[in-house]
Amino acid sequence: MAIQAVGRDTSETLEAHNVAVHFEGLAAIHGVSIALRRREIFGLIGPNGAGKTTLVNVLTGFQRPTQGQVFLGGADITGWPPHRLGRNGLARTFQAVRLFRDMPVVENLEVAAVGTGLGRREAAKRAHDILAWMNFAHKAFLQADTLPYGEERRVGIGRALAMAPRFVLLDEPAAGLSDAECDDLMKLISRIPEDFGCGVLLIEHNMRVIMGVCHRIHVIDSGRTIAEGTPEEIQANPDVIRAYLGSKSRQKGA
């Protein structure tokens, strides 16, 4: 079933300009700038503790930056609360899946759609359309707490898409998935920009997923940018190899 794509203006960007976040004087991120375009899959990678989730928290209003600005489509959205950003086109998933576990799968998506201002009937249609797009319609009325872990993560992505975002930020969606589940996830993520007209920011430690779906990749280490480029450029970058990928990653075609 076709999903109506939203926001066809590909000139829009989600940008962070010279963003820093300090916790009690310690810099979690320092002077990081990124620009994510519509209809693009943009990877954000780095070692544990590099500051990836902190940056996403800044972009989505869960963390106010110590310095720097965030722009959505040219408008300064620095410090906007998450609910306001959600209504203006930003959606995200979390490392820990936060489903309404006592509700059916479809209602988890409906709640997200209602939060964007849709009426119940329109929200239900959007939820069912997205589940059909995900080949998940047969599980629409199962209770969320009956799903295995990998399917919970898929529903989390569906719920973010139910917000009809201009940009969706996915925080480690492949964590804990099998190789087969990762293959399905890669196919799903690859279709999002074209089918929904939105940009995707992907934080992920699974290099097969990152290298397989991303158009550009931004690498941070110890809160600072060390590289940005295509998957091929990142795999060949000696600074990235030293900081994160390791020599074996290239040999395995990470």
C-alpha atoms as a PDB file:
ATOM      1  CA  MET A   1       0.000   0.000   0.000  1.00  0.00           C
ATOM      2  CA  ALA A   2       1.443   3.355  -0.998  1.00  0.00           C
ATOM      3  CA  ILE A   3       2.235   5.855   1.722  1.00  0.00           C
ATOM      4  CA  GLN A   4       1.785   9.495   0.846  1.00  0.00           C
ATOM      5  CA  ALA A   5       5.223  11.077   1.069  1.00  0.00           C
ATOM      6  CA  VAL A   6       5.463  14.230   3.131  1.00  0.00           C
ATOM      7  CA  GLY A   7       7.595  17.288   2.623  1.00  0.00           C
ATOM      8  CA  ARG A   8       8.944  17.074  -0.906  1.00  0.00           C
ATOM      9  CA  ASP A   9      11.174  20.151  -0.525  1.00  0.00           C
ATOM     10  CA  THR A  10      14.592  18.537  -0.636  1.00  0.00           C
ATOM     11  CA  SER A  11      16.351  21.858  -0.053  1.00  0.00           C
ATOM     12  CA  GLU A  12      15.474  21.711   3.662  1.00  0.00           C
ATOM     13  CA  THR A  13      18.102  20.643   6.143  1.00  0.00           C
ATOM     14  CA  LEU A  14      18.477  19.777   9.785  1.00  0.00           C
ATOM     15  CA  GLU A  15      21.664  21.446  10.987  1.00  0.00           C
ATOM     16  CA  ALA A  16      23.800  21.705  14.099  1.00  0.00           C
ATOM     17  CA  HIS A  17      26.217  24.636  14.124  1.00  0.00           C
ATOM     18  CA  ASN A  18      29.241  24.460  16.430  1.00  0.00           C
ATOM     19  CA  VAL A  19      27.308  22.598  19.133  1.00  0.00           C
ATOM     20  CA  ALA A  20      28.917  21.897  22.495  1.00  0.00           C
ATOM     21  CA  VAL A  21      27.493  20.286  25.614  1.00  0.00           C
ATOM     22  CA  HIS A  22      29.293  20.461  28.957  1.00  0.00           C
ATOM     23  CA  PHE A  23      28.337  18.481  32.044  1.00  0.00           C
ATOM     24  CA  GLU A  24      29.886  19.932  35.199  1.00  0.00           C
ATOM     25  CA  GLY A  25      32.704  21.405  33.175  1.00  0.00           C
ATOM     26  CA  LEU A  26      33.398  18.261  31.132  1.00  0.00           C
ATOM     27  CA  ALA A  27      32.721  18.437  27.386  1.00  0.00           C
ATOM     28  CA  ALA A  28      30.489  15.631  26.104  1.00  0.00           C
ATOM     29  CA  ILE A  29      30.591  17.182  22.639  1.00  0.00           C
ATOM     30  CA  HIS A  30      32.683  20.124  21.524  1.00  0.00           C
ATOM     31  CA  GLY A  31      32.139  22.253  18.426  1.00  0.00           C
ATOM     32  CA  VAL A  32      30.307  19.662  16.310  1.00  0.00           C
ATOM     33  CA  SER A  33      28.547  20.785  13.122  1.00  0.00           C
ATOM     34  CA  ILE A  34      26.431  18.611  10.834  1.00  0.00           C
ATOM     35  CA  ALA A  35      23.907  19.199   8.050  1.00  0.00           C
ATOM     36  CA  LEU A  36      21.391  16.492   7.189  1.00  0.00           C
ATOM     37  CA  ARG A  37      19.441  16.847   3.936  1.00  0.00           C
ATOM     38  CA  ARG A  38      15.947  15.634   3.148  1.00  0.00           C
ATOM     39  CA  ARG A  39      15.817  12.250   1.377  1.00  0.00           C
ATOM     40  CA  GLU A  40      19.276  11.382   2.706  1.00  0.00           C
ATOM     41  CA  ILE A  41      20.440   8.668   5.093  1.00  0.00           C
ATOM     42  CA  PHE A  42      23.155  10.223   7.241  1.00  0.00           C
ATOM     43  CA  GLY A  43      25.193   7.995   9.554  1.00  0.00           C
ATOM     44  CA  LEU A  44      26.610   9.143  12.881  1.00  0.00           C
ATOM     45  CA  ILE A  45      29.251   6.820  14.310  1.00  0.00           C
ATOM     46  CA  GLY A  46      31.956   6.786  16.938  1.00  0.00           C
ATOM     47  CA  PRO A  47      33.164   4.795  19.931  1.00  0.00           C
ATOM     48  CA  ASN A  48      31.025   4.356  23.039  1.00  0.00           C
ATOM     49  CA  GLY A  49      30.939   7.648  24.900  1.00  0.00           C
ATOM     50  CA  ALA A  50      31.874   9.676  21.838  1.00  0.00           C
ATOM     51  CA  GLY A  51      28.834  11.949  22.231  1.00  0.00           C
ATOM     52  CA  LYS A  52      26.509  10.581  19.544  1.00  0.00           C
ATOM     53  CA  THR A  53      23.360  10.287  21.648  1.00  0.00           C
ATOM     54  CA  THR A  54      24.104  13.623  23.323  1.00  0.00           C
ATOM     55  CA  LEU A  55      24.129  15.266  19.893  1.00  0.00           C
ATOM     56  CA  VAL A  56      20.836  13.613  18.958  1.00  0.00           C
ATOM     57  CA  ASN A  57      19.389  14.756  22.287  1.00  0.00           C
ATOM     58  CA  VAL A  58      20.353  18.319  21.363  1.00  0.00           C
ATOM     59  CA  LEU A  59      18.791  18.009  17.914  1.00  0.00           C
ATOM     60  CA  THR A  60      15.527  16.652  19.351  1.00  0.00           C
ATOM     61  CA  GLY A  61      15.181  18.996  22.328  1.00  0.00           C
ATOM     62  CA  PHE A  62      16.061  16.580  25.140  1.00  0.00           C
ATOM     63  CA  GLN A  63      19.309  18.434  25.901  1.00  0.00           C
ATOM     64  CA  ARG A  64      20.003  22.158  25.682  1.00  0.00           C
ATOM     65  CA  PRO A  65      23.438  22.898  24.197  1.00  0.00           C
ATOM     66  CA  THR A  66      26.013  24.811  26.183  1.00  0.00           C
ATOM     67  CA  GLN A  67      26.879  26.606  22.957  1.00  0.00           C
ATOM     68  CA  GLY A  68      25.872  26.480  19.317  1.00  0.00           C
ATOM     69  CA  GLN A  69      22.583  26.436  17.447  1.00  0.00           C
ATOM     70  CA  VAL A  70      20.217  23.975  15.780  1.00  0.00           C
ATOM     71  CA  PHE A  71      18.300  24.854  12.612  1.00  0.00           C
ATOM     72  CA  LEU A  72      15.392  23.112  10.905  1.00  0.00           C
ATOM     73  CA  GLY A  73      14.664  24.333   7.391  1.00  0.00           C
ATOM     74  CA  GLY A  74      16.580  27.525   8.165  1.00  0.00           C
ATOM     75  CA  ALA A  75      14.633  28.300  11.367  1.00  0.00           C
ATOM     76  CA  ASP A  76      16.497  28.442  14.679  1.00  0.00           C
ATOM     77  CA  ILE A  77      14.977  25.701  16.868  1.00  0.00           C
ATOM     78  CA  THR A  78      17.648  25.704  19.576  1.00  0.00           C
ATOM     79  CA  GLY A  79      16.115  24.818  22.923  1.00  0.00           C
ATOM     80  CA  TRP A  80      12.651  23.977  21.611  1.00  0.00           C
ATOM     81  CA  PRO A  81      10.987  21.249  23.715  1.00  0.00           C
ATOM     82  CA  PRO A  82      10.575  17.773  22.198  1.00  0.00           C
ATOM     83  CA  HIS A  83       6.796  18.006  21.757  1.00  0.00           C
ATOM     84  CA  ARG A  84       7.110  21.222  19.749  1.00  0.00           C
ATOM     85  CA  LEU A  85       9.846  19.723  17.595  1.00  0.00           C
ATOM     86  CA  GLY A  86       7.690  16.642  17.022  1.00  0.00           C
ATOM     87  CA  ARG A  87       4.886  18.803  15.683  1.00  0.00           C
ATOM     88  CA  ASN A  88       7.383  20.556  13.406  1.00  0.00           C
ATOM     89  CA  GLY A  89       8.787  17.458  11.788  1.00  0.00           C
ATOM     90  CA  LEU A  90      11.370  15.777  14.029  1.00  0.00           C
ATOM     91  CA  ALA A  91      10.844  12.212  15.245  1.00  0.00           C
ATOM     92  CA  ARG A  92      13.216   9.812  16.949  1.00  0.00           C
ATOM     93  CA  THR A  93      13.613   6.366  18.367  1.00  0.00           C
ATOM     94  CA  PHE A  94      15.535   5.480  21.526  1.00  0.00           C
ATOM     95  CA  GLN A  95      18.106   2.834  22.379  1.00  0.00           C
ATOM     96  CA  ALA A  96      15.587   1.424  24.859  1.00  0.00           C
ATOM     97  CA  VAL A  97      12.327   0.740  23.005  1.00  0.00           C
ATOM     98  CA  ARG A  98       9.537   2.657  24.721  1.00  0.00           C
ATOM     99  CA  LEU A  99       6.343   1.044  23.477  1.00  0.00           C
ATOM    100  CA  PHE A 100       3.005   1.222  25.257  1.00  0.00           C
ATOM    101  CA  ARG A 101       3.253  -2.414  26.163  1.00  0.00           C
ATOM    102  CA  ASP A 102      -0.359  -2.910  27.249  1.00  0.00           C
ATOM    103  CA  MET A 103      -1.705  -1.562  23.925  1.00  0.00           C
ATOM    104  CA  PRO A 104      -1.972  -3.239  20.515  1.00  0.00           C
ATOM    105  CA  VAL A 105       0.749  -2.538  17.984  1.00  0.00           C
ATOM    106  CA  VAL A 106      -1.500  -0.400  15.788  1.00  0.00           C
ATOM    107  CA  GLU A 107      -2.534   1.791  18.711  1.00  0.00           C
ATOM    108  CA  ASN A 108       1.118   2.485  19.488  1.00  0.00           C
ATOM    109  CA  LEU A 109       1.349   4.062  16.046  1.00  0.00           C
ATOM    110  CA  GLU A 110      -2.022   5.786  16.348  1.00  0.00           C
ATOM    111  CA  VAL A 111      -0.937   7.580  19.517  1.00  0.00           C
ATOM    112  CA  ALA A 112       2.067   9.023  17.690  1.00  0.00           C
ATOM    113  CA  ALA A 113      -0.101  10.152  14.769  1.00  0.00           C
ATOM    114  CA  VAL A 114      -2.675  11.777  17.069  1.00  0.00           C
ATOM    115  CA  GLY A 115       0.190  13.673  18.676  1.00  0.00           C
ATOM    116  CA  THR A 116       0.782  15.456  15.375  1.00  0.00           C
ATOM    117  CA  GLY A 117      -2.784  16.789  15.367  1.00  0.00           C
ATOM    118  CA  LEU A 118      -4.634  14.094  13.387  1.00  0.00           C
ATOM    119  CA  GLY A 119      -8.098  12.960  14.364  1.00  0.00           C
ATOM    120  CA  ARG A 120      -8.562   9.383  15.503  1.00  0.00           C
ATOM    121  CA  ARG A 121      -9.845   8.114  12.139  1.00  0.00           C
ATOM    122  CA  GLU A 122      -7.005   9.697  10.161  1.00  0.00           C
ATOM    123  CA  ALA A 123      -4.482   8.506  12.730  1.00  0.00           C
ATOM    124  CA  ALA A 124      -5.790   4.951  12.471  1.00  0.00           C
ATOM    125  CA  LYS A 125      -5.501   5.031   8.687  1.00  0.00           C
ATOM    126  CA  ARG A 126      -1.933   6.315   8.868  1.00  0.00           C
ATOM    127  CA  ALA A 127      -1.021   3.630  11.401  1.00  0.00           C
ATOM    128  CA  HIS A 128      -2.484   0.825   9.288  1.00  0.00           C
ATOM    129  CA  ASP A 129      -0.817   2.172   6.133  1.00  0.00           C
ATOM    130  CA  ILE A 130       2.590   2.219   7.818  1.00  0.00           C
ATOM    131  CA  LEU A 131       2.174  -1.298   9.192  1.00  0.00           C
ATOM    132  CA  ALA A 132       1.255  -2.485   5.698  1.00  0.00           C
ATOM    133  CA  TRP A 133       4.327  -0.708   4.315  1.00  0.00           C
ATOM    134  CA  MET A 134       6.430  -2.556   6.898  1.00  0.00           C
ATOM    135  CA  ASN A 135       4.818  -5.918   6.020  1.00  0.00           C
ATOM    136  CA  PHE A 136       3.571  -5.971   9.592  1.00  0.00           C
ATOM    137  CA  ALA A 137      -0.183  -5.629   9.115  1.00  0.00           C
ATOM    138  CA  HIS A 138      -0.767  -9.180  10.363  1.00  0.00           C
ATOM    139  CA  LYS A 139       0.490  -8.128  13.797  1.00  0.00           C
ATOM    140  CA  ALA A 140      -1.526  -4.910  14.077  1.00  0.00           C
ATOM    141  CA  PHE A 141      -3.758  -6.142  16.893  1.00  0.00           C
ATOM    142  CA  LEU A 142      -1.211  -8.059  18.945  1.00  0.00           C
ATOM    143  CA  GLN A 143      -0.363  -6.612  22.315  1.00  0.00           C
ATOM    144  CA  ALA A 144       2.991  -4.871  22.163  1.00  0.00           C
ATOM    145  CA  ASP A 145       4.294  -6.837  25.144  1.00  0.00           C
ATOM    146  CA  THR A 146       3.947 -10.109  23.206  1.00  0.00           C
ATOM    147  CA  LEU A 147       6.444  -9.091  20.502  1.00  0.00           C
ATOM    148  CA  PRO A 148       9.999 -10.403  20.395  1.00  0.00           C
ATOM    149  CA  TYR A 149      12.753  -7.842  20.798  1.00  0.00           C
ATOM    150  CA  GLY A 150      13.503  -7.385  17.102  1.00  0.00           C
ATOM    151  CA  GLU A 151       9.865  -6.729  16.270  1.00  0.00           C
ATOM    152  CA  GLU A 152       9.597  -4.213  19.106  1.00  0.00           C
ATOM    153  CA  ARG A 153      12.374  -2.212  17.462  1.00  0.00           C
ATOM    154  CA  ARG A 154      10.549  -2.310  14.140  1.00  0.00           C
ATOM    155  CA  VAL A 155       7.379  -0.993  15.774  1.00  0.00           C
ATOM    156  CA  GLY A 156       9.453   1.798  17.311  1.00  0.00           C
ATOM    157  CA  ILE A 157      10.502   2.886  13.829  1.00  0.00           C
ATOM    158  CA  GLY A 158       6.913   2.667  12.615  1.00  0.00           C
ATOM    159  CA  ARG A 159       5.765   4.841  15.486  1.00  0.00           C
ATOM    160  CA  ALA A 160       8.355   7.495  14.600  1.00  0.00           C
ATOM    161  CA  LEU A 161       7.208   7.434  10.968  1.00  0.00           C
ATOM    162  CA  ALA A 162       3.586   7.831  12.126  1.00  0.00           C
ATOM    163  CA  MET A 163       4.553  11.364  13.137  1.00  0.00           C
ATOM    164  CA  ALA A 164       5.008  12.177   9.407  1.00  0.00           C
ATOM    165  CA  PRO A 165       8.470  13.599  10.098  1.00  0.00           C
ATOM    166  CA  ARG A 166      10.665  15.705   7.908  1.00  0.00           C
ATOM    167  CA  PHE A 167      13.594  14.019   9.664  1.00  0.00           C
ATOM    168  CA  VAL A 168      13.654  10.792  11.653  1.00  0.00           C
ATOM    169  CA  LEU A 169      16.550  10.036  14.007  1.00  0.00           C
ATOM    170  CA  LEU A 170      17.182   6.362  14.730  1.00  0.00           C
ATOM    171  CA  ASP A 171      19.319   5.559  17.774  1.00  0.00           C
ATOM    172  CA  GLU A 172      20.966   2.120  17.379  1.00  0.00           C
ATOM    173  CA  PRO A 173      17.992   0.341  15.764  1.00  0.00           C
ATOM    174  CA  ALA A 174      20.092  -2.766  14.994  1.00  0.00           C
ATOM    175  CA  ALA A 175      21.234  -3.319  18.585  1.00  0.00           C
ATOM    176  CA  GLY A 176      20.646  -6.929  19.596  1.00  0.00           C
ATOM    177  CA  LEU A 177      19.327  -8.022  16.203  1.00  0.00           C
ATOM    178  CA  SER A 178      20.365 -11.157  14.346  1.00  0.00           C
ATOM    179  CA  ASP A 179      22.045 -10.964  10.946  1.00  0.00           C
ATOM    180  CA  ALA A 180      18.761 -11.818   9.228  1.00  0.00           C
ATOM    181  CA  GLU A 181      16.920  -9.146  11.215  1.00  0.00           C
ATOM    182  CA  CYS A 182      19.647  -6.642  10.293  1.00  0.00           C
ATOM    183  CA  ASP A 183      19.146  -7.476   6.626  1.00  0.00           C
ATOM    184  CA  ASP A 184      15.426  -6.730   6.958  1.00  0.00           C
ATOM    185  CA  LEU A 185      16.178  -3.542   8.864  1.00  0.00           C
ATOM    186  CA  MET A 186      18.543  -2.320   6.152  1.00  0.00           C
ATOM    187  CA  LYS A 187      15.887  -2.840   3.486  1.00  0.00           C
ATOM    188  CA  LEU A 188      13.362  -0.946   5.613  1.00  0.00           C
ATOM    189  CA  ILE A 189      15.620   2.034   6.348  1.00  0.00           C
ATOM    190  CA  SER A 190      16.758   2.271   2.723  1.00  0.00           C
ATOM    191  CA  ARG A 191      13.157   2.807   1.612  1.00  0.00           C
ATOM    192  CA  ILE A 192      12.295   5.557   4.090  1.00  0.00           C
ATOM    193  CA  PRO A 193      13.657   8.618   2.214  1.00  0.00           C
ATOM    194  CA  GLU A 194      11.865   7.830  -1.031  1.00  0.00           C
ATOM    195  CA  ASP A 195       8.606   6.530   0.436  1.00  0.00           C
ATOM    196  CA  PHE A 196       8.212   9.149   3.176  1.00  0.00           C
ATOM    197  CA  GLY A 197      10.191  12.067   1.731  1.00  0.00           C
ATOM    198  CA  CYS A 198      12.191  12.517   4.912  1.00  0.00           C
ATOM    199  CA  GLY A 199      15.827  12.454   5.940  1.00  0.00           C
ATOM    200  CA  VAL A 200      17.209   9.769   8.247  1.00  0.00           C
ATOM    201  CA  LEU A 201      19.933  10.240  10.843  1.00  0.00           C
ATOM    202  CA  LEU A 202      21.222   6.833  11.883  1.00  0.00           C
ATOM    203  CA  ILE A 203      23.333   6.141  14.969  1.00  0.00           C
ATOM    204  CA  GLU A 204      24.595   2.601  14.794  1.00  0.00           C
ATOM    205  CA  HIS A 205      27.519   0.421  15.895  1.00  0.00           C
ATOM    206  CA  ASN A 206      26.780  -2.275  13.319  1.00  0.00           C
ATOM    207  CA  MET A 207      29.116  -1.242  10.520  1.00  0.00           C
ATOM    208  CA  ARG A 208      27.476  -3.537   8.000  1.00  0.00           C
ATOM    209  CA  VAL A 209      24.240  -1.605   8.487  1.00  0.00           C
ATOM    210  CA  ILE A 210      25.938   1.804   8.423  1.00  0.00           C
ATOM    211  CA  MET A 211      28.007   1.113   5.329  1.00  0.00           C
ATOM    212  CA  GLY A 212      25.111  -0.615   3.610  1.00  0.00           C
ATOM    213  CA  VAL A 213      22.477   2.145   3.836  1.00  0.00           C
ATOM    214  CA  CYS A 214      24.121   5.528   4.440  1.00  0.00           C
ATOM    215  CA  HIS A 215      24.827   8.139   1.788  1.00  0.00           C
ATOM    216  CA  ARG A 216      27.167  10.098   4.081  1.00  0.00           C
ATOM    217  CA  ILE A 217      28.750   9.290   7.438  1.00  0.00           C
ATOM    218  CA  HIS A 218      29.925  11.652  10.179  1.00  0.00           C
ATOM    219  CA  VAL A 219      32.416  10.317  12.717  1.00  0.00           C
ATOM    220  CA  ILE A 220      33.005  11.743  16.178  1.00  0.00           C
ATOM    221  CA  ASP A 221      35.480  10.687  18.844  1.00  0.00           C
ATOM    222  CA  SER A 222      35.749  12.141  22.357  1.00  0.00           C
ATOM    223  CA  GLY A 223      33.069  14.658  21.442  1.00  0.00           C
ATOM    224  CA  ARG A 224      34.839  16.045  18.367  1.00  0.00           C
ATOM    225  CA  THR A 225      34.409  15.520  14.644  1.00  0.00           C
ATOM    226  CA  ILE A 226      37.228  13.507  13.084  1.00  0.00           C
ATOM    227  CA  ALA A 227      35.806  12.801   9.609  1.00  0.00           C
ATOM    228  CA  GLU A 228      32.825  13.044   7.293  1.00  0.00           C
ATOM    229  CA  GLY A 229      32.340  11.494   3.870  1.00  0.00           C
ATOM    230  CA  THR A 230      30.898   8.680   1.820  1.00  0.00           C
ATOM    231  CA  PRO A 231      31.048   5.122   3.171  1.00  0.00           C
ATOM    232  CA  GLU A 232      34.026   4.437   0.902  1.00  0.00           C
ATOM    233  CA  GLU A 233      35.870   7.519   2.148  1.00  0.00           C
ATOM    234  CA  ILE A 234      35.165   6.665   5.788  1.00  0.00           C
ATOM    235  CA  GLN A 235      36.359   3.074   5.410  1.00  0.00           C
ATOM    236  CA  ALA A 236      39.633   4.331   3.939  1.00  0.00           C
ATOM    237  CA  ASN A 237      40.191   7.182   6.420  1.00  0.00           C
ATOM    238  CA  PRO A 238      43.194   6.361   8.655  1.00  0.00           C
ATOM    239  CA  ASP A 239      41.938   8.560  11.513  1.00  0.00           C
ATOM    240  CA  VAL A 240      38.635   6.693  11.562  1.00  0.00           C
ATOM    241  CA  ILE A 241      40.354   3.321  11.407  1.00  0.00           C
ATOM    242  CA  ARG A 242      42.567   4.218  14.362  1.00  0.00           C
ATOM    243  CA  ALA A 243      39.756   5.703  16.430  1.00  0.00           C
ATOM    244  CA  TYR A 244      36.937   3.319  15.739  1.00  0.00           C
ATOM    245  CA  LEU A 245      36.799   0.863  12.877  1.00  0.00           C
ATOM    246  CA  GLY A 246      40.039  -0.998  13.555  1.00  0.00           C
ATOM    247  CA  SER A 247      42.095  -2.775  10.968  1.00  0.00           C
ATOM    248  CA  LYS A 248      39.872  -5.894  10.945  1.00  0.00           C
ATOM    249  CA  SER A 249      36.792  -3.874  10.006  1.00  0.00           C
ATOM    250  CA  ARG A 250      38.164  -3.040   6.586  1.00  0.00           C
ATOM    251  CA  GLN A 251      39.161  -6.624   5.992  1.00  0.00           C
ATOM    252  CA  LYS A 252      35.593  -7.729   6.691  1.00  0.00           C
ATOM    253  CA  GLY A 253      34.149  -5.012   4.452  1.00  0.00           C
ATOM    254  CA  ALA A 254      32.477  -3.338   7.431  1.00  0.00           C
END
